[in-house]
Amino acid sequence: DDFSESISGVPVPVVGHENGQYQVSPDYRDIPNFTGVLRARNYEIFRERIKEAGMLDQAHDFVRASGALSAICYREDIELALRTPDFGGFQLLDIMDFPGQGTALVGMLNVFMESKGVIAPETWRQFCSETVPLLRMEKHTWTTDEILTGRVEIAHYGPDDFPDARVNWSITDSMGKTLSRHSFDPVTALTGDLKKVDMFVWPLNGVKAPQRLNLTLAIEGTGYQNSYPLWIYPPKVDTTAPEDVLIARNFSEEKTQAHLAAGGKVLLLPPLDRLPHSVPGGFQTDFWSPMFAQSAIKRGVTPPPGTLGLLCKPDHPALARFPTEFHSNWQWWHLVKNSRPLVLDETPDDFRPVVQVIDNFARNHKLGLLAETRVGKGAMLICPIDLLGHQDQPAVRQFLHSLLAYMDSPGFAPAHELDPDLLHKILP
């Protein structure tokens, strides 16, 4: 996408002001580095809060996962600007943290101008430099019965025109193997210009699915390149519940309780409007500082979810058929946008959801998007996502398929048994 429609008819240059402002979880390893006249008292308070919430051991993982998503969101905002013809430019709030004024942890660098380790400088420069090869495509998730289509452009803001710029494009699989490689005819990119290069099409019927692919654009003979993730799924997957698995909507329902009492397995997909102990689902990390949520409430405006993306274990068997990293990425979009993560604050400190949602430093809820528990003789997988209502989305179908395959395996043996009273409290 781009901002063309928004700036149409504006007779003066438009500059994006303080783009992004995507929050990253606090990095408490920075506290000892405040050795001058300032003390990181806010960080110390936040550290005590997360310790009381029983998640201090996860603090660095929260930095890594929220930081990865923040970088993904910054990239999208920057490329929106670069894809917009005649856009006057953009500026970030900062590329480093600002710990004052409500604590703005929005940087790829910390307050000492040091890398947080969430994105390498050369990766950042792929989409934020004087010359950037850009891709326009309809979506990030595709199926093997589709033809991948896209349009390539070059945003060039270097000091001189760029004659004979030849863009090569290649697609690699999850193991790094090159599946396709092609070149476009050379073009001349004028300085200050958004140059259209060409379209491409590539049939996906030969791709093994599901898997993540990477599409890379590189300007021949230069260091300018840019890579885009693609998730490829089968057009159809089996989402029929195995014989001993009951897909239920209500935990308290007699049928659900009877199935668990008999030693059965339950995939609980609770109605989202019946989860009072939950927060709204959201994709991007929270804006700037949690203090804005308080301001919104005072003004009678519904605040944003206030969350900072996902933390999960890609090698967990529940996700074996749903390719993912340890953090949010675009294939999670429809899943998290149609969810209500459960507040699991009253669970034991060592209880961890299979897919956890990171909360902001002011609230520190333990939030679950996918969690498992024993229930007497039975076992239950709890997923507060509207999986059944969005089966038209390939990632949603694949996620449900992966969960059912896991529940049909000997590996589905939850380590914890949560208090039944707690389950009745938080579940319909």
Protein backbone atom coordinates (compact mmCIF):
# COMPACT_ATOMS: atom_id res chain seq x y z
CA ASP A 1 0.00 0.00 0.00
CA ASP A 2 0.99 3.67 0.01
CA PHE A 3 -0.26 7.10 1.12
CA SER A 4 -1.30 8.33 -2.36
CA GLU A 5 -5.00 8.57 -1.56
CA SER A 6 -4.35 10.39 1.71
CA ILE A 7 -2.20 13.12 0.17
CA SER A 8 -4.11 13.49 -3.10
CA GLY A 9 -4.72 17.14 -3.90
CA VAL A 10 -2.35 18.52 -1.26
CA PRO A 11 -0.41 21.29 -3.06
CA VAL A 12 2.67 21.26 -0.80
CA PRO A 13 5.20 18.56 0.16
CA VAL A 14 3.94 16.17 2.85
CA VAL A 15 6.37 14.77 5.41
CA GLY A 16 5.54 11.81 7.66
CA HIS A 17 6.05 13.03 11.25
CA GLU A 18 7.23 10.63 13.98
CA ASN A 19 6.33 7.54 11.94
CA GLY A 20 5.90 4.33 13.86
CA GLN A 21 6.47 4.78 17.60
CA TYR A 22 6.14 1.02 18.08
CA GLN A 23 6.94 0.04 21.65
CA VAL A 24 9.49 -2.61 22.68
CA SER A 25 9.44 -4.37 26.04
CA PRO A 26 11.90 -2.88 28.59
CA ASP A 27 15.43 -4.33 28.64
CA TYR A 28 16.37 -4.49 32.31
CA ARG A 29 19.98 -5.31 31.43
CA ASP A 30 20.36 -1.56 30.77
CA ILE A 31 19.80 -0.62 34.42
CA PRO A 32 23.46 -0.95 35.56
CA ASN A 33 24.56 1.30 32.68
CA PHE A 34 22.91 4.36 34.23
CA THR A 35 26.08 5.46 36.04
CA GLY A 36 25.82 9.23 35.62
CA VAL A 37 23.43 11.73 37.18
CA LEU A 38 20.34 9.74 36.13
CA ARG A 39 19.00 6.55 37.66
CA ALA A 40 16.74 4.13 35.77
CA ARG A 41 14.07 4.32 38.47
CA ASN A 42 11.26 3.67 35.98
CA TYR A 43 13.01 0.51 34.74
CA GLU A 44 13.46 -0.61 38.35
CA ILE A 45 9.74 -0.14 39.04
CA PHE A 46 8.77 -2.05 35.88
CA ARG A 47 11.19 -4.85 36.80
CA GLU A 48 9.57 -5.20 40.23
CA ARG A 49 6.13 -5.35 38.64
CA ILE A 50 7.05 -8.09 36.20
CA LYS A 51 8.77 -9.99 39.00
CA GLU A 52 5.58 -9.83 41.06
CA ALA A 53 3.69 -11.09 38.00
CA GLY A 54 5.99 -14.14 37.89
CA MET A 55 7.47 -13.45 34.46
CA LEU A 56 10.87 -11.86 35.17
CA ASP A 57 12.57 -14.95 33.71
CA GLN A 58 10.89 -14.14 30.39
CA ALA A 59 11.92 -10.48 30.30
CA HIS A 60 14.70 -10.85 27.73
CA ASP A 61 12.55 -13.05 25.50
CA PHE A 62 9.91 -10.31 25.65
CA VAL A 63 12.53 -7.81 24.41
CA ARG A 64 13.53 -10.07 21.53
CA ALA A 65 9.98 -10.93 20.41
CA SER A 66 8.44 -7.47 20.81
CA GLY A 67 11.53 -5.91 19.21
CA ALA A 68 11.27 -8.21 16.19
CA LEU A 69 7.63 -7.23 15.68
CA SER A 70 8.40 -3.55 16.23
CA ALA A 71 11.01 -3.73 13.45
CA ILE A 72 8.48 -5.42 11.15
CA CYS A 73 5.98 -2.62 11.80
CA TYR A 74 8.59 0.11 11.34
CA ARG A 75 9.54 -1.45 8.02
CA GLU A 76 5.92 -1.38 6.88
CA ASP A 77 5.54 2.30 7.80
CA ILE A 78 8.81 3.25 6.08
CA GLU A 79 7.97 1.32 2.92
CA LEU A 80 4.51 2.93 2.84
CA ALA A 81 6.30 6.27 2.62
CA LEU A 82 8.84 5.08 0.04
CA ARG A 83 6.10 3.58 -2.18
CA THR A 84 4.22 6.91 -2.27
CA PRO A 85 4.98 9.02 -5.38
CA ASP A 86 5.88 12.63 -4.58
CA PHE A 87 6.02 12.03 -0.83
CA GLY A 88 8.17 14.65 0.87
CA GLY A 89 9.91 12.29 3.29
CA PHE A 90 9.50 10.82 6.75
CA GLN A 91 11.04 10.99 10.19
CA LEU A 92 10.91 8.61 13.13
CA LEU A 93 10.21 9.72 16.68
CA ASP A 94 13.71 8.33 17.24
CA ILE A 95 15.83 5.32 16.42
CA MET A 96 16.77 5.14 20.11
CA ASP A 97 14.75 4.87 23.32
CA PHE A 98 13.67 7.92 25.28
CA PRO A 99 13.14 6.84 28.91
CA GLY A 100 11.43 10.09 30.00
CA GLN A 101 7.91 11.48 29.44
CA GLY A 102 6.00 8.29 30.18
CA THR A 103 8.87 6.04 29.00
CA ALA A 104 9.07 5.82 25.20
CA LEU A 105 10.87 2.53 24.48
CA VAL A 106 10.39 2.88 20.74
CA GLY A 107 13.97 2.49 19.56
CA MET A 108 15.86 -0.15 17.67
CA LEU A 109 18.72 1.18 19.80
CA ASN A 110 18.64 1.65 23.56
CA VAL A 111 19.09 5.00 25.30
CA PHE A 112 22.89 4.59 25.06
CA MET A 113 22.72 4.29 21.23
CA GLU A 114 23.55 0.59 21.47
CA SER A 115 21.81 -2.12 19.46
CA LYS A 116 19.12 -4.09 21.27
CA GLY A 117 19.97 -7.06 19.07
CA VAL A 118 16.51 -7.13 17.47
CA ILE A 119 17.62 -6.23 13.93
CA ALA A 120 21.02 -6.05 12.26
CA PRO A 121 22.08 -2.67 10.79
CA GLU A 122 22.45 -4.16 7.30
CA THR A 123 18.91 -5.60 7.51
CA TRP A 124 17.51 -2.21 8.57
CA ARG A 125 19.28 -0.54 5.64
CA GLN A 126 17.58 -2.90 3.18
CA PHE A 127 14.37 -0.88 3.57
CA CYS A 128 15.70 2.39 5.01
CA SER A 129 18.46 3.84 2.88
CA GLU A 130 18.95 6.18 -0.07
CA THR A 131 18.04 3.46 -2.60
CA VAL A 132 15.49 0.74 -1.85
CA PRO A 133 14.08 -1.93 -4.19
CA LEU A 134 10.40 -2.31 -3.30
CA LEU A 135 7.75 -4.97 -3.82
CA ARG A 136 4.01 -4.46 -4.12
CA MET A 137 1.90 -7.60 -3.71
CA GLU A 138 -1.63 -8.38 -2.67
CA LYS A 139 -0.84 -10.42 0.43
CA HIS A 140 1.77 -12.38 2.38
CA THR A 141 -0.13 -15.69 2.57
CA TRP A 142 -0.74 -17.76 -0.57
CA THR A 143 -1.86 -21.26 -1.53
CA THR A 144 -0.27 -23.66 -3.99
CA ASP A 145 -3.16 -23.36 -6.45
CA GLU A 146 -2.43 -19.64 -6.89
CA ILE A 147 0.05 -17.70 -9.02
CA LEU A 148 2.28 -15.35 -7.09
CA THR A 149 2.15 -11.89 -8.63
CA GLY A 150 3.94 -8.70 -7.72
CA ARG A 151 5.22 -5.37 -8.99
CA VAL A 152 8.76 -4.14 -8.44
CA GLU A 153 9.80 -0.51 -8.00
CA ILE A 154 12.91 1.39 -6.95
CA ALA A 155 12.78 4.32 -4.53
CA HIS A 156 15.94 6.32 -5.27
CA TYR A 157 17.03 9.32 -3.23
CA GLY A 158 20.77 9.18 -3.80
CA PRO A 159 22.73 12.28 -4.96
CA ASP A 160 22.87 11.21 -8.62
CA ASP A 161 20.66 9.47 -11.16
CA PHE A 162 20.96 5.69 -11.28
CA PRO A 163 21.32 4.59 -14.94
CA ASP A 164 21.00 0.96 -16.04
CA ALA A 165 19.71 -0.35 -12.73
CA ARG A 166 19.00 -4.04 -13.29
CA VAL A 167 16.88 -5.71 -10.58
CA ASN A 168 17.30 -9.44 -10.05
CA TRP A 169 14.62 -11.33 -8.14
CA SER A 170 14.94 -14.73 -6.52
CA ILE A 171 12.87 -17.01 -4.33
CA THR A 172 14.40 -19.30 -1.72
CA ASP A 173 12.74 -21.95 0.43
CA SER A 174 12.93 -22.45 4.19
CA MET A 175 16.24 -24.32 3.83
CA GLY A 176 17.83 -21.54 1.76
CA LYS A 177 17.56 -23.43 -1.53
CA THR A 178 16.94 -21.20 -4.57
CA LEU A 179 13.67 -22.14 -6.28
CA SER A 180 13.65 -19.44 -8.93
CA ARG A 181 15.90 -16.64 -10.17
CA HIS A 182 15.16 -14.02 -12.85
CA SER A 183 16.25 -10.56 -14.02
CA PHE A 184 14.32 -7.53 -15.24
CA ASP A 185 15.47 -5.28 -18.05
CA PRO A 186 17.61 -2.34 -16.86
CA VAL A 187 15.88 0.93 -15.99
CA THR A 188 17.07 4.44 -15.13
CA ALA A 189 16.04 5.67 -11.70
CA LEU A 190 16.20 9.44 -11.42
CA THR A 191 17.20 10.89 -8.07
CA GLY A 192 14.10 11.71 -6.04
CA ASP A 193 12.08 9.27 -8.16
CA LEU A 194 9.92 6.21 -7.51
CA LYS A 195 10.72 4.13 -10.60
CA LYS A 196 8.41 1.35 -11.77
CA VAL A 197 10.49 -1.63 -12.90
CA ASP A 198 8.13 -4.42 -13.99
CA MET A 199 5.62 -7.06 -12.96
CA PHE A 200 6.38 -10.73 -12.31
CA VAL A 201 4.34 -13.92 -11.99
CA TRP A 202 5.41 -17.25 -10.55
CA PRO A 203 3.18 -20.35 -10.22
CA LEU A 204 3.15 -21.88 -6.76
CA ASN A 205 1.94 -25.37 -7.73
CA GLY A 206 5.42 -26.84 -7.36
CA VAL A 207 6.01 -25.55 -3.83
CA LYS A 208 5.93 -27.94 -0.90
CA ALA A 209 3.43 -26.57 1.60
CA PRO A 210 3.21 -25.37 4.25
CA GLN A 211 6.43 -23.41 4.41
CA ARG A 212 7.84 -19.90 4.44
CA LEU A 213 9.61 -18.62 1.36
CA ASN A 214 11.71 -15.48 0.92
CA LEU A 215 11.55 -13.28 -2.15
CA THR A 216 14.68 -11.14 -2.57
CA LEU A 217 15.10 -8.12 -4.84
CA ALA A 218 18.68 -7.06 -5.56
CA ILE A 219 20.07 -4.32 -7.79
CA GLU A 220 22.87 -5.96 -9.75
CA GLY A 221 26.40 -4.81 -8.97
CA THR A 222 25.37 -2.94 -5.81
CA GLY A 223 24.67 -3.66 -2.17
CA TYR A 224 21.03 -2.60 -2.49
CA GLN A 225 18.64 -5.46 -1.82
CA ASN A 226 15.41 -6.16 0.04
CA SER A 227 13.70 -9.40 1.10
CA TYR A 228 10.04 -10.23 1.68
CA PRO A 229 8.56 -13.23 3.51
CA LEU A 230 5.84 -15.35 1.90
CA TRP A 231 3.85 -18.13 3.54
CA ILE A 232 2.61 -20.86 1.23
CA TYR A 233 -0.19 -23.19 2.34
CA PRO A 234 -2.14 -26.07 0.79
CA PRO A 235 -5.47 -24.92 -0.69
CA LYS A 236 -7.28 -27.54 1.40
CA VAL A 237 -6.41 -29.19 4.73
CA ASP A 238 -8.28 -31.59 6.96
CA THR A 239 -9.94 -29.73 9.83
CA THR A 240 -12.12 -32.63 10.92
CA ALA A 241 -11.79 -33.43 14.61
CA PRO A 242 -10.17 -36.84 15.33
CA GLU A 243 -12.42 -39.43 16.93
CA ASP A 244 -11.42 -38.72 20.54
CA VAL A 245 -11.21 -34.92 20.13
CA LEU A 246 -14.24 -32.75 20.84
CA ILE A 247 -14.29 -29.22 19.45
CA ALA A 248 -16.30 -27.32 22.08
CA ARG A 249 -17.36 -23.72 22.59
CA ASN A 250 -18.22 -23.88 26.31
CA PHE A 251 -16.14 -25.42 29.07
CA SER A 252 -19.06 -25.62 31.52
CA GLU A 253 -21.36 -27.37 29.07
CA GLU A 254 -22.43 -30.86 30.16
CA LYS A 255 -21.17 -32.48 26.96
CA THR A 256 -17.71 -30.94 27.40
CA GLN A 257 -17.44 -31.97 31.02
CA ALA A 258 -18.59 -35.51 30.27
CA HIS A 259 -16.06 -35.89 27.46
CA LEU A 260 -13.22 -34.75 29.74
CA ALA A 261 -14.41 -36.95 32.62
CA ALA A 262 -14.23 -39.95 30.30
CA GLY A 263 -10.59 -39.15 29.52
CA GLY A 264 -11.26 -37.43 26.22
CA LYS A 265 -9.53 -34.47 24.59
CA VAL A 266 -11.16 -31.08 24.10
CA LEU A 267 -10.20 -28.24 21.78
CA LEU A 268 -11.98 -25.30 23.40
CA LEU A 269 -12.76 -22.40 21.07
CA PRO A 270 -14.72 -20.09 23.38
CA PRO A 271 -16.96 -17.32 21.96
CA LEU A 272 -14.89 -14.14 22.06
CA ASP A 273 -17.77 -12.06 23.40
CA ARG A 274 -18.00 -14.28 26.48
CA LEU A 275 -14.47 -13.84 27.81
CA PRO A 276 -14.52 -11.14 30.52
CA HIS A 277 -11.00 -12.05 31.67
CA SER A 278 -9.32 -11.22 28.37
CA VAL A 279 -7.96 -8.34 26.30
CA PRO A 280 -8.65 -7.46 22.64
CA GLY A 281 -6.50 -9.06 19.98
CA GLY A 282 -4.09 -6.86 18.05
CA PHE A 283 -1.19 -7.23 15.65
CA GLN A 284 1.23 -4.33 16.06
CA THR A 285 3.03 -3.46 19.27
CA ASP A 286 1.50 -0.78 21.48
CA PHE A 287 1.93 2.89 20.61
CA TRP A 288 4.69 4.85 22.38
CA SER A 289 3.53 4.49 26.01
CA PRO A 290 0.70 2.87 28.01
CA MET A 291 -0.23 6.31 29.35
CA PHE A 292 -2.16 6.89 26.11
CA ALA A 293 -4.60 4.12 27.07
CA GLN A 294 -5.44 5.96 30.28
CA SER A 295 -5.99 9.16 28.31
CA ALA A 296 -8.30 7.35 25.87
CA ILE A 297 -10.40 5.91 28.69
CA LYS A 298 -10.80 9.36 30.26
CA ARG A 299 -12.05 10.69 26.92
CA GLY A 300 -14.51 7.81 26.48
CA VAL A 301 -12.50 6.29 23.63
CA THR A 302 -11.84 2.55 23.43
CA PRO A 303 -8.11 2.12 24.05
CA PRO A 304 -5.89 -0.10 21.90
CA PRO A 305 -5.13 -3.62 23.15
CA GLY A 306 -1.86 -2.47 24.73
CA THR A 307 -0.02 -5.66 23.81
CA LEU A 308 3.40 -6.19 22.23
CA GLY A 309 3.01 -9.20 19.97
CA LEU A 310 3.52 -12.94 20.41
CA LEU A 311 6.11 -15.12 22.09
CA CYS A 312 6.02 -18.78 21.16
CA LYS A 313 8.24 -21.81 20.63
CA PRO A 314 8.43 -22.61 16.91
CA ASP A 315 9.42 -26.21 17.68
CA HIS A 316 6.40 -26.90 19.89
CA PRO A 317 4.46 -29.85 18.38
CA ALA A 318 1.23 -27.81 18.37
CA LEU A 319 2.87 -25.58 15.75
CA ALA A 320 4.55 -28.36 13.78
CA ARG A 321 2.31 -27.80 10.76
CA PHE A 322 2.14 -24.02 11.10
CA PRO A 323 5.53 -22.51 10.18
CA THR A 324 6.39 -19.65 12.52
CA GLU A 325 9.24 -17.85 14.22
CA PHE A 326 9.31 -17.16 17.96
CA HIS A 327 7.63 -13.81 17.33
CA SER A 328 4.68 -12.36 15.41
CA ASN A 329 4.85 -12.05 11.66
CA TRP A 330 2.35 -11.41 8.89
CA GLN A 331 0.96 -14.97 8.74
CA TRP A 332 -0.50 -14.38 12.24
CA TRP A 333 -2.52 -11.31 11.12
CA HIS A 334 -5.99 -12.86 10.74
CA LEU A 335 -5.47 -15.06 13.79
CA VAL A 336 -4.60 -12.32 16.25
CA LYS A 337 -7.05 -9.78 14.80
CA ASN A 338 -9.86 -12.25 15.54
CA SER A 339 -8.83 -13.23 19.06
CA ARG A 340 -9.12 -12.26 22.71
CA PRO A 341 -6.03 -13.39 24.66
CA LEU A 342 -6.96 -14.81 28.07
CA VAL A 343 -5.72 -13.21 31.29
CA LEU A 344 -3.95 -16.08 33.09
CA ASP A 345 -2.56 -14.11 36.05
CA GLU A 346 -3.90 -16.62 38.58
CA THR A 347 -2.12 -19.60 37.06
CA PRO A 348 1.09 -20.90 38.72
CA ASP A 349 4.26 -18.91 38.01
CA ASP A 350 5.77 -21.77 36.03
CA PHE A 351 2.70 -22.13 33.80
CA ARG A 352 3.38 -20.81 30.32
CA PRO A 353 0.94 -20.64 27.39
CA VAL A 354 2.03 -22.42 24.22
CA VAL A 355 1.48 -19.11 22.41
CA GLN A 356 1.82 -16.17 24.76
CA VAL A 357 0.88 -12.55 24.12
CA ILE A 358 3.34 -10.02 25.58
CA ASP A 359 1.70 -7.33 27.69
CA ASN A 360 2.93 -3.78 28.23
CA PHE A 361 5.04 -2.80 31.25
CA ALA A 362 2.18 -0.96 33.00
CA ARG A 363 -0.19 -3.93 33.15
CA ASN A 364 1.95 -7.10 33.02
CA HIS A 365 -0.83 -9.62 32.44
CA LYS A 366 0.15 -13.17 31.62
CA LEU A 367 -1.80 -13.55 28.38
CA GLY A 368 -2.56 -16.77 26.56
CA LEU A 369 -3.52 -17.23 22.91
CA LEU A 370 -3.03 -20.99 23.12
CA ALA A 371 -2.78 -22.91 26.39
CA GLU A 372 -3.11 -26.53 27.48
CA THR A 373 -4.11 -28.20 30.72
CA ARG A 374 -5.15 -31.55 32.13
CA VAL A 375 -8.73 -31.69 33.36
CA GLY A 376 -9.14 -34.77 35.56
CA LYS A 377 -8.68 -37.78 33.28
CA GLY A 378 -8.95 -35.60 30.19
CA ALA A 379 -6.88 -32.92 28.49
CA MET A 380 -7.81 -29.59 26.98
CA LEU A 381 -6.29 -27.15 24.52
CA ILE A 382 -7.71 -23.64 24.95
CA CYS A 383 -7.61 -21.27 21.98
CA PRO A 384 -9.45 -17.92 22.24
CA ILE A 385 -9.32 -17.34 18.47
CA ASP A 386 -12.34 -17.42 16.16
CA LEU A 387 -10.90 -20.26 14.09
CA LEU A 388 -14.27 -21.57 12.90
CA GLY A 389 -15.46 -18.17 11.64
CA HIS A 390 -12.45 -17.48 9.40
CA GLN A 391 -11.85 -20.73 7.54
CA ASP A 392 -11.66 -18.73 4.30
CA GLN A 393 -8.16 -17.64 5.37
CA PRO A 394 -5.43 -20.21 4.55
CA ALA A 395 -3.36 -19.41 7.67
CA VAL A 396 -6.40 -19.89 9.92
CA ARG A 397 -7.23 -23.25 8.29
CA GLN A 398 -3.64 -24.36 8.63
CA PHE A 399 -3.46 -23.33 12.28
CA LEU A 400 -6.58 -25.34 13.14
CA HIS A 401 -5.21 -28.30 11.18
CA SER A 402 -1.95 -28.12 13.12
CA LEU A 403 -3.74 -28.04 16.49
CA LEU A 404 -5.90 -31.06 15.65
CA ALA A 405 -2.91 -33.04 14.39
CA TYR A 406 -1.10 -32.29 17.68
CA MET A 407 -4.09 -33.37 19.75
CA ASP A 408 -4.29 -36.61 17.77
CA SER A 409 -0.69 -37.48 18.69
CA PRO A 410 0.86 -39.10 21.79
CA GLY A 411 2.68 -35.78 22.36
CA PHE A 412 -0.51 -34.11 23.57
CA ALA A 413 0.04 -34.61 27.30
CA PRO A 414 -0.24 -31.29 29.19
CA ALA A 415 2.23 -30.95 32.07
CA HIS A 416 -0.05 -28.77 34.22
CA GLU A 417 -3.50 -29.22 35.65
CA LEU A 418 -5.04 -25.83 36.26
CA ASP A 419 -7.48 -25.28 39.12
CA PRO A 420 -11.01 -26.20 37.92
CA ASP A 421 -12.45 -23.18 39.76
CA LEU A 422 -10.09 -20.91 37.83
CA LEU A 423 -11.12 -22.52 34.53
CA HIS A 424 -14.80 -21.99 35.35
CA LYS A 425 -13.98 -18.38 36.24
CA ILE A 426 -12.21 -17.43 33.03
CA LEU A 427 -14.08 -19.68 30.55
CA PRO A 428 -17.76 -19.83 29.57
